[in-house]
C-alpha atoms as a PDB file:
ATOM      1  CA  MET A   1      89.749  90.866  79.556  1.00  0.00           C
ATOM      2  CA  ASN A   2      93.029  91.369  81.385  1.00  0.00           C
ATOM      3  CA  SER A   3      94.879  94.639  80.959  1.00  0.00           C
ATOM      4  CA  PRO A   4      98.189  94.477  79.067  1.00  0.00           C
ATOM      5  CA  LYS A   5     101.269  93.551  81.053  1.00  0.00           C
ATOM      6  CA  THR A   6     104.751  94.929  80.509  1.00  0.00           C
ATOM      7  CA  LEU A   7     107.705  92.615  80.049  1.00  0.00           C
ATOM      8  CA  TYR A   8     111.268  93.941  80.125  1.00  0.00           C
ATOM      9  CA  LEU A   9     113.808  91.519  78.700  1.00  0.00           C
ATOM     10  CA  VAL A  10     117.382  92.430  79.635  1.00  0.00           C
ATOM     11  CA  ARG A  11     120.487  90.677  78.392  1.00  0.00           C
ATOM     12  CA  HIS A  12     123.293  91.006  80.934  1.00  0.00           C
ATOM     13  CA  ALA A  13     125.940  93.592  80.089  1.00  0.00           C
ATOM     14  CA  LYS A  14     129.299  92.618  78.527  1.00  0.00           C
ATOM     15  CA  SER A  15     131.223  90.164  80.672  1.00  0.00           C
ATOM     16  CA  ASP A  16     134.933  89.885  81.314  1.00  0.00           C
ATOM     17  CA  TRP A  17     136.774  86.954  79.720  1.00  0.00           C
ATOM     18  CA  GLU A  18     140.253  87.823  81.092  1.00  0.00           C
ATOM     19  CA  ASP A  19     140.502  85.013  83.625  1.00  0.00           C
ATOM     20  CA  PRO A  20     140.182  81.673  81.800  1.00  0.00           C
ATOM     21  CA  ALA A  21     140.180  79.841  85.145  1.00  0.00           C
ATOM     22  CA  LEU A  22     136.819  81.358  86.118  1.00  0.00           C
ATOM     23  CA  ALA A  23     133.740  79.231  85.576  1.00  0.00           C
ATOM     24  CA  ASP A  24     131.265  80.761  83.112  1.00  0.00           C
ATOM     25  CA  ARG A  25     128.797  81.392  85.937  1.00  0.00           C
ATOM     26  CA  ASP A  26     131.415  83.417  87.853  1.00  0.00           C
ATOM     27  CA  ARG A  27     132.485  85.856  85.145  1.00  0.00           C
ATOM     28  CA  PRO A  28     132.064  89.511  86.233  1.00  0.00           C
ATOM     29  CA  LEU A  29     131.194  92.435  84.017  1.00  0.00           C
ATOM     30  CA  ALA A  30     133.936  93.953  81.897  1.00  0.00           C
ATOM     31  CA  VAL A  31     134.637  97.677  82.195  1.00  0.00           C
ATOM     32  CA  ARG A  32     132.595  98.182  79.018  1.00  0.00           C
ATOM     33  CA  GLY A  33     129.774  96.156  80.569  1.00  0.00           C
ATOM     34  CA  ARG A  34     129.703  98.245  83.739  1.00  0.00           C
ATOM     35  CA  LYS A  35     129.539 101.403  81.626  1.00  0.00           C
ATOM     36  CA  ALA A  36     126.708  99.977  79.488  1.00  0.00           C
ATOM     37  CA  ALA A  37     124.719  98.876  82.562  1.00  0.00           C
ATOM     38  CA  SER A  38     125.137 102.351  84.080  1.00  0.00           C
ATOM     39  CA  THR A  39     123.921 103.896  80.819  1.00  0.00           C
ATOM     40  CA  LEU A  40     120.910 101.575  80.831  1.00  0.00           C
ATOM     41  CA  ALA A  41     120.265 102.531  84.462  1.00  0.00           C
ATOM     42  CA  GLY A  42     120.090 106.198  83.459  1.00  0.00           C
ATOM     43  CA  HIS A  43     117.568 105.346  80.755  1.00  0.00           C
ATOM     44  CA  ILE A  44     115.489 103.324  83.215  1.00  0.00           C
ATOM     45  CA  GLU A  45     115.478 106.232  85.658  1.00  0.00           C
ATOM     46  CA  ARG A  46     114.579 108.841  83.003  1.00  0.00           C
ATOM     47  CA  SER A  47     111.817 106.587  81.660  1.00  0.00           C
ATOM     48  CA  GLY A  48     110.336 105.898  85.094  1.00  0.00           C
ATOM     49  CA  ILE A  49     110.642 102.148  84.665  1.00  0.00           C
ATOM     50  CA  SER A  50     110.002 100.197  87.837  1.00  0.00           C
ATOM     51  CA  PRO A  51     108.967  96.589  87.313  1.00  0.00           C
ATOM     52  CA  ALA A  52     106.864  94.947  89.993  1.00  0.00           C
ATOM     53  CA  LEU A  53     108.979  91.786  89.783  1.00  0.00           C
ATOM     54  CA  VAL A  54     112.534  91.070  88.658  1.00  0.00           C
ATOM     55  CA  LEU A  55     113.559  87.529  87.760  1.00  0.00           C
ATOM     56  CA  CYS A  56     117.330  87.183  87.511  1.00  0.00           C
ATOM     57  CA  SER A  57     119.775  84.428  86.645  1.00  0.00           C
ATOM     58  CA  PRO A  58     122.285  83.750  89.444  1.00  0.00           C
ATOM     59  CA  ALA A  59     125.316  84.220  87.173  1.00  0.00           C
ATOM     60  CA  ARG A  60     127.640  86.930  88.434  1.00  0.00           C
ATOM     61  CA  ARG A  61     127.283  89.007  85.236  1.00  0.00           C
ATOM     62  CA  THR A  62     123.478  89.061  85.515  1.00  0.00           C
ATOM     63  CA  MET A  63     123.657  89.891  89.219  1.00  0.00           C
ATOM     64  CA  ASP A  64     126.179  92.682  88.507  1.00  0.00           C
ATOM     65  CA  THR A  65     123.852  94.050  85.807  1.00  0.00           C
ATOM     66  CA  LEU A  66     120.914  93.945  88.226  1.00  0.00           C
ATOM     67  CA  ARG A  67     122.940  95.680  90.934  1.00  0.00           C
ATOM     68  CA  LEU A  68     123.845  98.518  88.572  1.00  0.00           C
ATOM     69  CA  ILE A  69     120.308  99.100  87.258  1.00  0.00           C
ATOM     70  CA  SER A  70     118.158  98.390  90.325  1.00  0.00           C
ATOM     71  CA  GLY A  71     118.983 101.702  92.004  1.00  0.00           C
ATOM     72  CA  SER A  72     117.115 103.403  89.161  1.00  0.00           C
ATOM     73  CA  PHE A  73     113.767 101.784  89.926  1.00  0.00           C
ATOM     74  CA  ARG A  74     111.306 104.304  91.358  1.00  0.00           C
ATOM     75  CA  ASP A  75     109.254 101.889  93.418  1.00  0.00           C
ATOM     76  CA  PRO A  76     110.102  98.935  95.629  1.00  0.00           C
ATOM     77  CA  VAL A  77     110.666  95.843  93.488  1.00  0.00           C
ATOM     78  CA  GLU A  78     110.431  92.164  94.347  1.00  0.00           C
ATOM     79  CA  ILE A  79     113.643  90.471  93.176  1.00  0.00           C
ATOM     80  CA  LEU A  80     113.927  86.719  92.714  1.00  0.00           C
ATOM     81  CA  VAL A  81     117.258  85.165  91.792  1.00  0.00           C
ATOM     82  CA  GLU A  82     116.488  81.693  90.463  1.00  0.00           C
ATOM     83  CA  ASP A  83     119.020  78.971  89.692  1.00  0.00           C
ATOM     84  CA  GLU A  84     116.915  77.542  86.862  1.00  0.00           C
ATOM     85  CA  LEU A  85     117.275  80.780  84.881  1.00  0.00           C
ATOM     86  CA  TYR A  86     121.017  80.223  84.375  1.00  0.00           C
ATOM     87  CA  GLY A  87     121.465  78.660  80.952  1.00  0.00           C
ATOM     88  CA  ALA A  88     117.726  78.141  80.563  1.00  0.00           C
ATOM     89  CA  PRO A  89     116.466  77.696  77.004  1.00  0.00           C
ATOM     90  CA  MET A  90     113.698  79.931  75.661  1.00  0.00           C
ATOM     91  CA  GLY A  91     110.949  77.410  76.465  1.00  0.00           C
ATOM     92  CA  ASP A  92     111.973  77.278  80.128  1.00  0.00           C
ATOM     93  CA  LEU A  93     111.960  81.084  80.347  1.00  0.00           C
ATOM     94  CA  LEU A  94     108.475  81.172  78.832  1.00  0.00           C
ATOM     95  CA  ARG A  95     107.220  78.526  81.268  1.00  0.00           C
ATOM     96  CA  ARG A  96     108.684  80.502  84.192  1.00  0.00           C
ATOM     97  CA  LEU A  97     107.021  83.720  83.058  1.00  0.00           C
ATOM     98  CA  ARG A  98     103.690  81.894  82.751  1.00  0.00           C
ATOM     99  CA  ARG A  99     103.919  81.183  86.510  1.00  0.00           C
ATOM    100  CA  VAL A 100     104.066  84.889  87.433  1.00  0.00           C
ATOM    101  CA  PRO A 101     101.093  85.761  89.668  1.00  0.00           C
ATOM    102  CA  ALA A 102      98.175  87.190  87.659  1.00  0.00           C
ATOM    103  CA  PRO A 103      98.004  90.602  89.380  1.00  0.00           C
ATOM    104  CA  THR A 104     101.674  91.392  88.619  1.00  0.00           C
ATOM    105  CA  PRO A 105     101.612  94.300  86.139  1.00  0.00           C
ATOM    106  CA  SER A 106     105.236  94.148  85.005  1.00  0.00           C
ATOM    107  CA  VAL A 107     108.220  91.794  85.024  1.00  0.00           C
ATOM    108  CA  MET A 108     111.885  92.297  84.189  1.00  0.00           C
ATOM    109  CA  LEU A 109     113.770  89.164  83.211  1.00  0.00           C
ATOM    110  CA  ILE A 110     117.570  89.448  83.291  1.00  0.00           C
ATOM    111  CA  GLY A 111     119.254  86.592  81.521  1.00  0.00           C
ATOM    112  CA  HIS A 112     121.419  85.248  78.743  1.00  0.00           C
ATOM    113  CA  ASN A 113     121.479  84.740  74.996  1.00  0.00           C
ATOM    114  CA  PRO A 114     120.432  82.953  72.944  1.00  0.00           C
ATOM    115  CA  ALA A 115     117.306  82.453  75.095  1.00  0.00           C
ATOM    116  CA  ILE A 116     116.541  86.148  75.741  1.00  0.00           C
ATOM    117  CA  HIS A 117     116.738  86.918  72.013  1.00  0.00           C
ATOM    118  CA  GLU A 118     114.675  83.858  71.076  1.00  0.00           C
ATOM    119  CA  LEU A 119     112.037  84.745  73.681  1.00  0.00           C
ATOM    120  CA  ALA A 120     111.713  88.318  72.401  1.00  0.00           C
ATOM    121  CA  ILE A 121     111.380  87.140  68.799  1.00  0.00           C
ATOM    122  CA  GLY A 122     108.968  84.381  69.789  1.00  0.00           C
ATOM    123  CA  LEU A 123     106.623  86.750  71.610  1.00  0.00           C
ATOM    124  CA  LEU A 124     106.355  89.321  68.815  1.00  0.00           C
ATOM    125  CA  SER A 125     103.966  89.018  65.914  1.00  0.00           C
ATOM    126  CA  SER A 126     105.302  87.622  62.651  1.00  0.00           C
ATOM    127  CA  GLY A 127     103.954  90.707  60.858  1.00  0.00           C
ATOM    128  CA  ALA A 128     106.022  92.945  63.095  1.00  0.00           C
ATOM    129  CA  LEU A 129     109.102  90.827  62.471  1.00  0.00           C
ATOM    130  CA  ARG A 130     108.707  91.267  58.715  1.00  0.00           C
ATOM    131  CA  GLY A 131     109.299  94.950  59.375  1.00  0.00           C
ATOM    132  CA  ALA A 132     105.701  96.026  58.726  1.00  0.00           C
ATOM    133  CA  SER A 133     106.018  98.732  61.353  1.00  0.00           C
ATOM    134  CA  GLY A 134     109.214 100.091  59.847  1.00  0.00           C
ATOM    135  CA  ALA A 135     110.687 100.625  63.317  1.00  0.00           C
ATOM    136  CA  GLY A 136     114.480 100.626  63.320  1.00  0.00           C
ATOM    137  CA  SER A 137     114.565  99.067  66.766  1.00  0.00           C
ATOM    138  CA  LEU A 138     112.445  96.164  65.575  1.00  0.00           C
ATOM    139  CA  LYS A 139     114.777  95.552  62.648  1.00  0.00           C
ATOM    140  CA  GLN A 140     117.728  95.625  65.067  1.00  0.00           C
ATOM    141  CA  LEU A 141     116.046  93.175  67.445  1.00  0.00           C
ATOM    142  CA  LYS A 142     115.377  90.780  64.588  1.00  0.00           C
ATOM    143  CA  VAL A 143     119.118  90.661  63.851  1.00  0.00           C
ATOM    144  CA  LYS A 144     120.715  90.715  67.304  1.00  0.00           C
ATOM    145  CA  PHE A 145     120.079  91.225  71.035  1.00  0.00           C
ATOM    146  CA  PRO A 146     123.364  92.832  72.165  1.00  0.00           C
ATOM    147  CA  THR A 147     124.737  92.665  75.696  1.00  0.00           C
ATOM    148  CA  GLY A 148     123.255  95.312  77.973  1.00  0.00           C
ATOM    149  CA  ALA A 149     120.172  95.810  75.770  1.00  0.00           C
ATOM    150  CA  MET A 150     116.571  95.895  77.012  1.00  0.00           C
ATOM    151  CA  ALA A 151     113.443  95.059  75.022  1.00  0.00           C
ATOM    152  CA  THR A 152     110.163  96.408  76.387  1.00  0.00           C
ATOM    153  CA  LEU A 153     107.100  94.456  75.304  1.00  0.00           C
ATOM    154  CA  ALA A 154     103.396  95.065  75.859  1.00  0.00           C
ATOM    155  CA  VAL A 155     101.960  91.624  76.515  1.00  0.00           C
ATOM    156  CA  PRO A 156      98.227  91.067  75.984  1.00  0.00           C
ATOM    157  CA  GLY A 157      96.250  88.976  78.428  1.00  0.00           C
ATOM    158  CA  SER A 158      97.513  87.160  81.476  1.00  0.00           C
ATOM    159  CA  TRP A 159     100.946  85.796  82.293  1.00  0.00           C
ATOM    160  CA  LYS A 160      99.611  82.224  82.171  1.00  0.00           C
ATOM    161  CA  ASP A 161      98.666  82.804  78.515  1.00  0.00           C
ATOM    162  CA  LEU A 162     101.955  84.471  77.560  1.00  0.00           C
ATOM    163  CA  GLY A 163     102.813  83.708  73.949  1.00  0.00           C
ATOM    164  CA  ASN A 164      99.291  82.807  72.864  1.00  0.00           C
ATOM    165  CA  LYS A 165      98.776  86.270  71.379  1.00  0.00           C
ATOM    166  CA  PRO A 166     101.563  88.407  69.904  1.00  0.00           C
ATOM    167  CA  ALA A 167     103.189  91.078  72.047  1.00  0.00           C
ATOM    168  CA  ASP A 168     104.035  94.563  70.810  1.00  0.00           C
ATOM    169  CA  LEU A 169     107.590  95.891  70.948  1.00  0.00           C
ATOM    170  CA  LEU A 170     107.429  99.252  72.712  1.00  0.00           C
ATOM    171  CA  GLU A 171     111.164  99.896  72.780  1.00  0.00           C
ATOM    172  CA  PHE A 172     114.513  98.247  72.179  1.00  0.00           C
ATOM    173  CA  ALA A 173     117.051 100.181  74.231  1.00  0.00           C
ATOM    174  CA  LEU A 174     120.691  99.749  73.242  1.00  0.00           C
ATOM    175  CA  PRO A 175     123.269 101.284  75.604  1.00  0.00           C
ATOM    176  CA  ARG A 176     125.487 102.459  72.724  1.00  0.00           C
ATOM    177  CA  GLU A 177     122.574 104.447  71.288  1.00  0.00           C
ATOM    178  CA  LEU A 178     121.377 105.705  74.676  1.00  0.00           C
ATOM    179  CA  SER A 179     124.782 107.268  75.290  1.00  0.00           C
ATOM    180  CA  LEU A 180     124.765 109.243  72.043  1.00  0.00           C
ATOM    181  CA  PRO A 181     124.373 112.992  72.577  1.00  0.00           C
ATOM    182  CA  ASP A 182     121.106 114.528  71.464  1.00  0.00           C
ATOM    183  CA  GLY A 183     121.363 116.167  68.091  1.00  0.00           C
ATOM    184  CA  GLY A 184     119.409 119.234  69.085  1.00  0.00           C
END
């Protein structure tokens, strides 16, 4: 049996809509988005997250998000920017992830909604989505996948079989919650 893999699903941080002449693909991050991506980067660094492979949409906002978080990876990371990830529906993202080489222990996919949200929901067990675990982050993920958020999933089996067995949600990191001061 293959050991569990780790999948990090990241929705790009908040983009800037100020210039209506810009094509959707060319929109940069807003100030709020840069701050959220930096907050997520701090969480990645503190958590020791370092995916073996990053798959990223070529949109400017996803590339800006990647640029801001990639300096927090502890180990060298293979980064692939793939045109087909821009605007890809959930099924296309799943098919791409199923082509990840078998020995790859972890993948970070940086992309767009609604596909990132649909992929996360589609990979989790229906029992978990009914709130059986009682986890607040799971309830939040069921409702919305905000910009700049990252879902960490433990995926059973191999990448080629992704989705055949339910994944477990390990964490749903939201930049607005990561930036809250500790209560103690």
